[in-house]
PDB file of N, CA and C in Angstrom:
ATOM      1  N   UNK A   1     159.779  74.610 122.170  1.00  0.00           N
ATOM      2  CA  UNK A   1     160.528  75.729 121.617  1.00  0.00           C
ATOM      3  C   UNK A   1     159.714  77.004 121.788  1.00  0.00           C
ATOM      4  N   UNK A   2     160.341  77.994 122.303  1.00  0.00           N
ATOM      5  CA  UNK A   2     159.675  79.262 122.583  1.00  0.00           C
ATOM      6  C   UNK A   2     159.666  80.135 121.330  1.00  0.00           C
ATOM      7  N   UNK A   3     158.493  80.650 121.003  1.00  0.00           N
ATOM      8  CA  UNK A   3     158.353  81.479 119.806  1.00  0.00           C
ATOM      9  C   UNK A   3     158.665  82.936 120.154  1.00  0.00           C
ATOM     10  N   UNK A   4     159.505  83.561 119.338  1.00  0.00           N
ATOM     11  CA  UNK A   4     159.860  84.963 119.550  1.00  0.00           C
ATOM     12  C   UNK A   4     158.933  85.847 118.723  1.00  0.00           C
ATOM     13  N   UNK A   5     158.268  86.705 119.403  1.00  0.00           N
ATOM     14  CA  UNK A   5     157.379  87.639 118.707  1.00  0.00           C
ATOM     15  C   UNK A   5     157.826  89.063 118.988  1.00  0.00           C
ATOM     16  N   UNK A   6     158.009  89.800 117.914  1.00  0.00           N
ATOM     17  CA  UNK A   6     158.351  91.211 118.069  1.00  0.00           C
ATOM     18  C   UNK A   6     157.075  92.011 118.155  1.00  0.00           C
ATOM     19  N   UNK A   7     157.128  93.002 118.972  1.00  0.00           N
ATOM     20  CA  UNK A   7     155.979  93.897 119.098  1.00  0.00           C
ATOM     21  C   UNK A   7     155.968  94.820 117.885  1.00  0.00           C
ATOM     22  N   UNK A   8     154.801  95.042 117.318  1.00  0.00           N
ATOM     23  CA  UNK A   8     154.749  95.985 116.191  1.00  0.00           C
ATOM     24  C   UNK A   8     155.132  97.379 116.672  1.00  0.00           C
ATOM     25  N   UNK A   9     155.717  98.161 115.781  1.00  0.00           N
ATOM     26  CA  UNK A   9     156.110  99.519 116.197  1.00  0.00           C
ATOM     27  C   UNK A   9     154.896 100.316 116.639  1.00  0.00           C
ATOM     28  N   UNK A  10     155.091 101.065 117.683  1.00  0.00           N
ATOM     29  CA  UNK A  10     154.001 101.889 118.195  1.00  0.00           C
ATOM     30  C   UNK A  10     153.769 103.077 117.263  1.00  0.00           C
ATOM     31  N   UNK A  11     152.646 103.711 117.442  1.00  0.00           N
ATOM     32  CA  UNK A  11     152.326 104.905 116.644  1.00  0.00           C
ATOM     33  C   UNK A  11     153.393 105.975 116.852  1.00  0.00           C
ATOM     34  N   UNK A  12     153.871 106.090 118.087  1.00  0.00           N
ATOM     35  CA  UNK A  12     154.907 107.088 118.390  1.00  0.00           C
ATOM     36  C   UNK A  12     156.215 106.757 117.675  1.00  0.00           C
ATOM     37  N   UNK A  13     156.579 105.453 117.635  1.00  0.00           N
ATOM     38  CA  UNK A  13     157.794 105.043 116.923  1.00  0.00           C
ATOM     39  C   UNK A  13     157.690 105.368 115.434  1.00  0.00           C
ATOM     40  N   UNK A  14     156.540 105.064 114.847  1.00  0.00           N
ATOM     41  CA  UNK A  14     156.347 105.338 113.417  1.00  0.00           C
ATOM     42  C   UNK A  14     156.389 106.835 113.164  1.00  0.00           C
ATOM     43  N   UNK A  15     155.768 107.590 114.051  1.00  0.00           N
ATOM     44  CA  UNK A  15     155.744 109.041 113.900  1.00  0.00           C
ATOM     45  C   UNK A  15     157.164 109.611 113.977  1.00  0.00           C
ATOM     46  N   UNK A  16     157.957 109.099 114.906  1.00  0.00           N
ATOM     47  CA  UNK A  16     159.332 109.570 115.053  1.00  0.00           C
ATOM     48  C   UNK A  16     160.164 109.205 113.825  1.00  0.00           C
ATOM     49  N   UNK A  17     159.937 108.029 113.276  1.00  0.00           N
ATOM     50  CA  UNK A  17     160.644 107.603 112.063  1.00  0.00           C
ATOM     51  C   UNK A  17     160.357 108.564 110.917  1.00  0.00           C
ATOM     52  N   UNK A  18     159.090 108.916 110.735  1.00  0.00           N
ATOM     53  CA  UNK A  18     158.700 109.834 109.664  1.00  0.00           C
ATOM     54  C   UNK A  18     159.337 111.190 109.883  1.00  0.00           C
ATOM     55  N   UNK A  19     159.279 111.694 111.116  1.00  0.00           N
ATOM     56  CA  UNK A  19     159.830 113.016 111.408  1.00  0.00           C
ATOM     57  C   UNK A  19     161.335 113.077 111.189  1.00  0.00           C
ATOM     58  N   UNK A  20     162.018 111.961 111.323  1.00  0.00           N
ATOM     59  CA  UNK A  20     163.467 111.927 111.126  1.00  0.00           C
ATOM     60  C   UNK A  20     163.862 111.633 109.682  1.00  0.00           C
ATOM     61  N   UNK A  21     162.903 111.329 108.837  1.00  0.00           N
ATOM     62  CA  UNK A  21     163.231 110.965 107.465  1.00  0.00           C
ATOM     63  C   UNK A  21     163.651 112.194 106.651  1.00  0.00           C
ATOM     64  N   UNK A  22     164.531 111.967 105.714  1.00  0.00           N
ATOM     65  CA  UNK A  22     165.021 113.033 104.842  1.00  0.00           C
ATOM     66  C   UNK A  22     163.871 113.603 104.017  1.00  0.00           C
ATOM     67  N   UNK A  23     163.012 112.727 103.531  1.00  0.00           N
ATOM     68  CA  UNK A  23     161.886 113.161 102.716  1.00  0.00           C
ATOM     69  C   UNK A  23     160.984 114.128 103.481  1.00  0.00           C
ATOM     70  N   UNK A  24     160.690 113.810 104.729  1.00  0.00           N
ATOM     71  CA  UNK A  24     159.838 114.679 105.546  1.00  0.00           C
ATOM     72  C   UNK A  24     160.531 116.015 105.815  1.00  0.00           C
ATOM     73  N   UNK A  25     161.816 115.975 106.072  1.00  0.00           N
ATOM     74  CA  UNK A  25     162.566 117.221 106.316  1.00  0.00           C
ATOM     75  C   UNK A  25     162.574 118.098 105.070  1.00  0.00           C
ATOM     76  N   UNK A  26     162.701 117.482 103.891  1.00  0.00           N
ATOM     77  CA  UNK A  26     162.643 118.249 102.641  1.00  0.00           C
ATOM     78  C   UNK A  26     161.253 118.853 102.444  1.00  0.00           C
ATOM     79  N   UNK A  27     160.223 118.072 102.755  1.00  0.00           N
ATOM     80  CA  UNK A  27     158.854 118.574 102.663  1.00  0.00           C
ATOM     81  C   UNK A  27     158.676 119.800 103.553  1.00  0.00           C
ATOM     82  N   UNK A  28     159.139 119.726 104.792  1.00  0.00           N
ATOM     83  CA  UNK A  28     159.001 120.859 105.716  1.00  0.00           C
ATOM     84  C   UNK A  28     159.775 122.082 105.233  1.00  0.00           C
ATOM     85  N   UNK A  29     160.968 121.864 104.683  1.00  0.00           N
ATOM     86  CA  UNK A  29     161.765 122.987 104.177  1.00  0.00           C
ATOM     87  C   UNK A  29     161.075 123.644 102.992  1.00  0.00           C
ATOM     88  N   UNK A  30     160.538 122.824 102.096  1.00  0.00           N
ATOM     89  CA  UNK A  30     159.843 123.365 100.926  1.00  0.00           C
ATOM     90  C   UNK A  30     158.576 124.104 101.350  1.00  0.00           C
ATOM     91  N   UNK A  31     157.842 123.528 102.279  1.00  0.00           N
ATOM     92  CA  UNK A  31     156.615 124.171 102.790  1.00  0.00           C
ATOM     93  C   UNK A  31     156.934 125.527 103.416  1.00  0.00           C
ATOM     94  N   UNK A  32     158.030 125.602 104.153  1.00  0.00           N
ATOM     95  CA  UNK A  32     158.430 126.875 104.770  1.00  0.00           C
ATOM     96  C   UNK A  32     158.719 127.926 103.704  1.00  0.00           C
ATOM     97  N   UNK A  33     159.360 127.525 102.620  1.00  0.00           N
ATOM     98  CA  UNK A  33     159.640 128.455 101.519  1.00  0.00           C
ATOM     99  C   UNK A  33     158.350 128.930 100.853  1.00  0.00           C
ATOM    100  N   UNK A  34     157.407 128.028 100.681  1.00  0.00           N
ATOM    101  CA  UNK A  34     156.127 128.383 100.074  1.00  0.00           C
ATOM    102  C   UNK A  34     155.375 129.361 100.974  1.00  0.00           C
ATOM    103  N   UNK A  35     155.385 129.108 102.270  1.00  0.00           N
ATOM    104  CA  UNK A  35     154.701 130.014 103.207  1.00  0.00           C
ATOM    105  C   UNK A  35     155.367 131.384 103.243  1.00  0.00           C
ATOM    106  N   UNK A  36     156.699 131.416 103.126  1.00  0.00           N
ATOM    107  CA  UNK A  36     157.412 132.695 103.068  1.00  0.00           C
ATOM    108  C   UNK A  36     157.026 133.440 101.788  1.00  0.00           C
ATOM    109  N   UNK A  37     156.963 132.706 100.683  1.00  0.00           N
ATOM    110  CA  UNK A  37     156.557 133.294  99.402  1.00  0.00           C
ATOM    111  C   UNK A  37     155.119 133.818  99.490  1.00  0.00           C
ATOM    112  N   UNK A  38     154.259 133.052 100.118  1.00  0.00           N
ATOM    113  CA  UNK A  38     152.861 133.471 100.300  1.00  0.00           C
ATOM    114  C   UNK A  38     152.789 134.781 101.069  1.00  0.00           C
ATOM    115  N   UNK A  39     153.577 134.892 102.122  1.00  0.00           N
ATOM    116  CA  UNK A  39     153.561 136.113 102.923  1.00  0.00           C
ATOM    117  C   UNK A  39     154.051 137.300 102.097  1.00  0.00           C
ATOM    118  N   UNK A  40     155.165 137.130 101.386  1.00  0.00           N
ATOM    119  CA  UNK A  40     155.726 138.220 100.580  1.00  0.00           C
ATOM    120  C   UNK A  40     154.737 138.668  99.504  1.00  0.00           C
ATOM    121  N   UNK A  41     154.188 137.700  98.770  1.00  0.00           N
ATOM    122  CA  UNK A  41     153.259 138.040  97.688  1.00  0.00           C
ATOM    123  C   UNK A  41     151.945 138.604  98.219  1.00  0.00           C
ATOM    124  N   UNK A  42     151.510 138.154  99.368  1.00  0.00           N
ATOM    125  CA  UNK A  42     150.298 138.709  99.985  1.00  0.00           C
ATOM    126  C   UNK A  42     150.517 140.157 100.403  1.00  0.00           C
ATOM    127  N   UNK A  43     151.716 140.443 100.933  1.00  0.00           N
ATOM    128  CA  UNK A  43     152.048 141.822 101.294  1.00  0.00           C
ATOM    129  C   UNK A  43     152.040 142.720 100.063  1.00  0.00           C
ATOM    130  N   UNK A  44     152.617 142.235  98.970  1.00  0.00           N
ATOM    131  CA  UNK A  44     152.624 143.009  97.725  1.00  0.00           C
ATOM    132  C   UNK A  44     151.211 143.258  97.215  1.00  0.00           C
ATOM    133  N   UNK A  45     150.362 142.234  97.315  1.00  0.00           N
ATOM    134  CA  UNK A  45     148.989 142.340  96.806  1.00  0.00           C
ATOM    135  C   UNK A  45     148.069 143.092  97.759  1.00  0.00           C
ATOM    136  N   UNK A  46     148.498 143.272  98.991  1.00  0.00           N
ATOM    137  CA  UNK A  46     147.658 143.955  99.976  1.00  0.00           C
ATOM    138  C   UNK A  46     146.521 143.081 100.496  1.00  0.00           C
ATOM    139  N   UNK A  47     146.609 141.771 100.228  1.00  0.00           N
ATOM    140  CA  UNK A  47     145.603 140.823 100.726  1.00  0.00           C
ATOM    141  C   UNK A  47     146.203 139.422 100.692  1.00  0.00           C
ATOM    142  N   UNK A  48     145.575 138.520 101.401  1.00  0.00           N
ATOM    143  CA  UNK A  48     146.029 137.131 101.428  1.00  0.00           C
ATOM    144  C   UNK A  48     145.762 136.497 100.069  1.00  0.00           C
ATOM    145  N   UNK A  49     146.812 135.999  99.435  1.00  0.00           N
ATOM    146  CA  UNK A  49     146.644 135.399  98.107  1.00  0.00           C
ATOM    147  C   UNK A  49     146.244 133.920  98.185  1.00  0.00           C
ATOM    148  N   UNK A  50     146.341 133.338  99.357  1.00  0.00           N
ATOM    149  CA  UNK A  50     145.979 131.937  99.538  1.00  0.00           C
ATOM    150  C   UNK A  50     147.138 131.002  99.259  1.00  0.00           C
ATOM    151  N   UNK A  51     147.076 129.838  99.896  1.00  0.00           N
ATOM    152  CA  UNK A  51     148.170 128.880  99.787  1.00  0.00           C
ATOM    153  C   UNK A  51     148.304 128.315  98.378  1.00  0.00           C
ATOM    154  N   UNK A  52     147.191 127.969  97.748  1.00  0.00           N
ATOM    155  CA  UNK A  52     147.264 127.355  96.420  1.00  0.00           C
ATOM    156  C   UNK A  52     147.912 128.267  95.392  1.00  0.00           C
ATOM    157  N   UNK A  53     147.523 129.528  95.402  1.00  0.00           N
ATOM    158  CA  UNK A  53     148.114 130.475  94.449  1.00  0.00           C
ATOM    159  C   UNK A  53     149.605 130.655  94.734  1.00  0.00           C
ATOM    160  N   UNK A  54     149.946 130.756  96.027  1.00  0.00           N
ATOM    161  CA  UNK A  54     151.351 130.900  96.398  1.00  0.00           C
ATOM    162  C   UNK A  54     152.145 129.666  96.005  1.00  0.00           C
ATOM    163  N   UNK A  55     151.576 128.490  96.213  1.00  0.00           N
ATOM    164  CA  UNK A  55     152.230 127.244  95.854  1.00  0.00           C
ATOM    165  C   UNK A  55     152.528 127.185  94.361  1.00  0.00           C
ATOM    166  N   UNK A  56     151.530 127.417  93.554  1.00  0.00           N
ATOM    167  CA  UNK A  56     151.716 127.364  92.099  1.00  0.00           C
ATOM    168  C   UNK A  56     152.714 128.408  91.617  1.00  0.00           C
ATOM    169  N   UNK A  57     152.612 129.618  92.150  1.00  0.00           N
ATOM    170  CA  UNK A  57     153.523 130.690  91.762  1.00  0.00           C
ATOM    171  C   UNK A  57     154.958 130.341  92.158  1.00  0.00           C
ATOM    172  N   UNK A  58     155.134 129.810  93.369  1.00  0.00           N
ATOM    173  CA  UNK A  58     156.466 129.445  93.850  1.00  0.00           C
ATOM    174  C   UNK A  58     157.056 128.319  93.010  1.00  0.00           C
ATOM    175  N   UNK A  59     156.241 127.330  92.676  1.00  0.00           N
ATOM    176  CA  UNK A  59     156.720 126.213  91.848  1.00  0.00           C
ATOM    177  C   UNK A  59     157.220 126.722  90.499  1.00  0.00           C
ATOM    178  N   UNK A  60     156.438 127.574  89.875  1.00  0.00           N
ATOM    179  CA  UNK A  60     156.802 128.092  88.549  1.00  0.00           C
ATOM    180  C   UNK A  60     158.046 128.981  88.612  1.00  0.00           C
ATOM    181  N   UNK A  61     158.120 129.842  89.615  1.00  0.00           N
ATOM    182  CA  UNK A  61     159.186 130.857  89.650  1.00  0.00           C
ATOM    183  C   UNK A  61     160.439 130.465  90.422  1.00  0.00           C
ATOM    184  N   UNK A  62     160.302 129.599  91.433  1.00  0.00           N
ATOM    185  CA  UNK A  62     161.431 129.425  92.350  1.00  0.00           C
ATOM    186  C   UNK A  62     161.855 127.993  92.652  1.00  0.00           C
ATOM    187  N   UNK A  63     161.001 127.011  92.441  1.00  0.00           N
ATOM    188  CA  UNK A  63     161.284 125.661  92.933  1.00  0.00           C
ATOM    189  C   UNK A  63     162.563 125.056  92.361  1.00  0.00           C
ATOM    190  N   UNK A  64     162.759 125.135  91.074  1.00  0.00           N
ATOM    191  CA  UNK A  64     163.931 124.471  90.489  1.00  0.00           C
ATOM    192  C   UNK A  64     165.232 125.076  91.024  1.00  0.00           C
ATOM    193  N   UNK A  65     165.306 126.396  91.118  1.00  0.00           N
ATOM    194  CA  UNK A  65     166.512 127.032  91.660  1.00  0.00           C
ATOM    195  C   UNK A  65     166.707 126.673  93.135  1.00  0.00           C
ATOM    196  N   UNK A  66     165.618 126.633  93.889  1.00  0.00           N
ATOM    197  CA  UNK A  66     165.675 126.299  95.308  1.00  0.00           C
ATOM    198  C   UNK A  66     166.200 124.875  95.495  1.00  0.00           C
ATOM    199  N   UNK A  67     165.692 123.945  94.683  1.00  0.00           N
ATOM    200  CA  UNK A  67     166.121 122.545  94.796  1.00  0.00           C
ATOM    201  C   UNK A  67     167.583 122.384  94.402  1.00  0.00           C
ATOM    202  N   UNK A  68     168.013 123.069  93.349  1.00  0.00           N
ATOM    203  CA  UNK A  68     169.423 123.006  92.944  1.00  0.00           C
ATOM    204  C   UNK A  68     170.328 123.505  94.057  1.00  0.00           C
ATOM    205  N   UNK A  69     169.931 124.609  94.674  1.00  0.00           N
ATOM    206  CA  UNK A  69     170.706 125.167  95.783  1.00  0.00           C
ATOM    207  C   UNK A  69     170.767 124.182  96.944  1.00  0.00           C
ATOM    208  N   UNK A  70     169.649 123.547  97.273  1.00  0.00           N
ATOM    209  CA  UNK A  70     169.608 122.560  98.361  1.00  0.00           C
ATOM    210  C   UNK A  70     170.526 121.384  98.049  1.00  0.00           C
ATOM    211  N   UNK A  71     170.530 120.944  96.813  1.00  0.00           N
ATOM    212  CA  UNK A  71     171.379 119.812  96.432  1.00  0.00           C
ATOM    213  C   UNK A  71     172.861 120.180  96.521  1.00  0.00           C
ATOM    214  N   UNK A  72     173.192 121.389  96.086  1.00  0.00           N
ATOM    215  CA  UNK A  72     174.585 121.846  96.192  1.00  0.00           C
ATOM    216  C   UNK A  72     175.016 121.910  97.660  1.00  0.00           C
ATOM    217  N   UNK A  73     174.132 122.461  98.504  1.00  0.00           N
ATOM    218  CA  UNK A  73     174.444 122.567  99.935  1.00  0.00           C
ATOM    219  C   UNK A  73     174.615 121.188 100.567  1.00  0.00           C
ATOM    220  N   UNK A  74     173.775 120.241 100.174  1.00  0.00           N
ATOM    221  CA  UNK A  74     173.861 118.887 100.714  1.00  0.00           C
ATOM    222  C   UNK A  74     175.179 118.228 100.322  1.00  0.00           C
ATOM    223  N   UNK A  75     175.611 118.458  99.090  1.00  0.00           N
ATOM    224  CA  UNK A  75     176.878 117.882  98.632  1.00  0.00           C
ATOM    225  C   UNK A  75     178.066 118.446  99.388  1.00  0.00           C
ATOM    226  N   UNK A  76     178.046 119.749  99.652  1.00  0.00           N
ATOM    227  CA  UNK A  76     179.163 120.355 100.384  1.00  0.00           C
ATOM    228  C   UNK A  76     179.176 119.906 101.844  1.00  0.00           C
ATOM    229  N   UNK A  77     178.024 119.583 102.407  1.00  0.00           N
ATOM    230  CA  UNK A  77     177.969 119.089 103.783  1.00  0.00           C
ATOM    231  C   UNK A  77     178.584 117.694 103.887  1.00  0.00           C
ATOM    232  N   UNK A  78     178.503 116.906 102.828  1.00  0.00           N
ATOM    233  CA  UNK A  78     179.041 115.555 102.834  1.00  0.00           C
ATOM    234  C   UNK A  78     180.559 115.527 102.751  1.00  0.00           C
ATOM    235  N   UNK A  79     181.149 116.604 102.258  1.00  0.00           N
ATOM    236  CA  UNK A  79     182.615 116.651 102.086  1.00  0.00           C
ATOM    237  C   UNK A  79     183.307 116.919 103.392  1.00  0.00           C
TER     238      UNK A  79
END
């Protein structure tokens, strides 16, 4: 009897799976918003405020509204 062996997924296959995942796409969208916030706040401050400060500020001021908007948009896309 011949044994069937599947080849383990290649690094490229795993990488493509991650890049296509909803979680990764949400991470990239959120990161883009944080970087946009960092740029805006750095311009206001006249200096680079740094990623950590921008991240914390964005989370406190904008994250919940941003996520609600994303969820509403996702629901309307499903209809």
